[in-house]
Amino acid sequence: MPLLEAMACGLPVVAYAAAAVPETLGGAGVLLPRKDPATVAAACHRVATDPALRQRLATAGRARLARFSRARTEAAMLDALRPVLEG
């Protein structure tokens, strides 16, 4: 949820590429290959000092949110649960 909340607020996202983070961002954020402080600091500095990158990430994040609308999420959840529910 924090990734989606950040994108909804127009904030650029910098996140560690683990679990479902890459799939959730779908290219609408900066993915970090590791969590070491130098990597995190460099990525955050790049986003903070590059207005074009910041704007591109904010725009891409808002567009990415369409994949997570309530209707789409409900439909995907029902599709995933249908085999279990129908036994």
Protein backbone atom coordinates (compact mmCIF):
# COMPACT_ATOMS: atom_id res chain seq x y z
CA MET A 1 0.00 0.00 0.00
CA PRO A 2 2.73 2.58 0.69
CA LEU A 3 3.86 2.40 -2.94
CA LEU A 4 0.33 3.03 -4.20
CA GLU A 5 -0.22 5.80 -1.66
CA ALA A 6 2.98 7.53 -2.75
CA MET A 7 2.02 7.27 -6.41
CA ALA A 8 -1.47 8.61 -5.64
CA CYS A 9 0.13 11.63 -3.99
CA GLY A 10 2.35 12.27 -7.01
CA LEU A 11 5.53 11.33 -5.18
CA PRO A 12 8.40 9.64 -6.99
CA VAL A 13 9.11 6.19 -5.59
CA VAL A 14 12.53 4.76 -4.78
CA ALA A 15 12.22 1.19 -3.52
CA TYR A 16 14.17 -2.01 -2.99
CA ALA A 17 13.42 -4.54 -5.74
CA ALA A 18 12.05 -7.36 -3.59
CA ALA A 19 8.85 -9.40 -3.39
CA ALA A 20 6.05 -7.71 -5.38
CA VAL A 21 7.66 -4.26 -5.51
CA PRO A 22 8.88 -4.48 -9.14
CA GLU A 23 5.49 -5.79 -10.29
CA THR A 24 3.64 -3.12 -8.33
CA LEU A 25 5.75 -0.26 -9.67
CA GLY A 26 5.77 -1.57 -13.22
CA GLY A 27 8.51 0.83 -14.22
CA ALA A 28 6.94 3.81 -12.43
CA GLY A 29 9.72 4.09 -9.88
CA VAL A 30 13.41 3.64 -9.25
CA LEU A 31 14.18 0.07 -8.20
CA LEU A 32 17.23 -0.58 -6.07
CA PRO A 33 19.17 -3.83 -6.46
CA ARG A 34 20.38 -3.70 -2.85
CA LYS A 35 19.66 -1.84 0.37
CA ASP A 36 23.09 -0.49 1.18
CA PRO A 37 23.10 3.16 2.32
CA ALA A 38 25.26 4.40 -0.57
CA THR A 39 22.88 2.95 -3.18
CA VAL A 40 19.82 4.37 -1.43
CA ALA A 41 21.45 7.78 -0.99
CA ALA A 42 22.56 7.95 -4.63
CA ALA A 43 19.09 7.07 -5.92
CA CYS A 44 17.35 9.54 -3.62
CA HIS A 45 19.84 12.27 -4.54
CA ARG A 46 19.26 11.60 -8.24
CA VAL A 47 15.48 11.90 -7.85
CA ALA A 48 15.78 14.98 -5.63
CA THR A 49 18.09 16.84 -8.00
CA ASP A 50 16.64 15.85 -11.38
CA PRO A 51 13.31 17.66 -11.94
CA ALA A 52 12.66 15.85 -15.24
CA LEU A 53 13.12 12.43 -13.62
CA ARG A 54 10.97 13.44 -10.66
CA GLN A 55 8.17 14.58 -12.97
CA ARG A 56 8.43 11.47 -15.16
CA LEU A 57 8.18 9.20 -12.11
CA ALA A 58 5.23 11.14 -10.68
CA THR A 59 3.38 10.99 -14.00
CA ALA A 60 4.16 7.30 -14.49
CA GLY A 61 3.05 6.55 -10.94
CA ARG A 62 -0.33 8.18 -11.41
CA ALA A 63 -0.81 6.27 -14.68
CA ARG A 64 0.22 3.01 -13.00
CA LEU A 65 -2.52 3.45 -10.39
CA ALA A 66 -5.15 2.65 -13.01
CA ARG A 67 -4.09 -1.01 -12.77
CA PHE A 68 -5.04 -0.95 -9.09
CA SER A 69 -8.54 0.49 -9.30
CA ARG A 70 -11.09 -1.07 -6.99
CA ALA A 71 -12.97 -2.72 -9.86
CA ARG A 72 -9.81 -4.26 -11.37
CA THR A 73 -8.58 -5.42 -7.97
CA GLU A 74 -11.93 -7.03 -7.14
CA ALA A 75 -12.05 -8.80 -10.50
CA ALA A 76 -8.48 -10.09 -10.13
CA MET A 77 -9.17 -11.32 -6.61
CA LEU A 78 -12.32 -13.14 -7.70
CA ASP A 79 -10.48 -14.72 -10.62
CA ALA A 80 -7.75 -15.92 -8.26
CA LEU A 81 -10.22 -17.27 -5.69
CA ARG A 82 -12.71 -18.81 -8.10
CA PRO A 83 -11.01 -22.24 -8.26
CA VAL A 84 -10.99 -22.43 -4.47
CA LEU A 85 -14.56 -21.18 -4.07
CA GLU A 86 -15.95 -23.48 -6.76
CA GLY A 87 -13.93 -26.44 -5.45
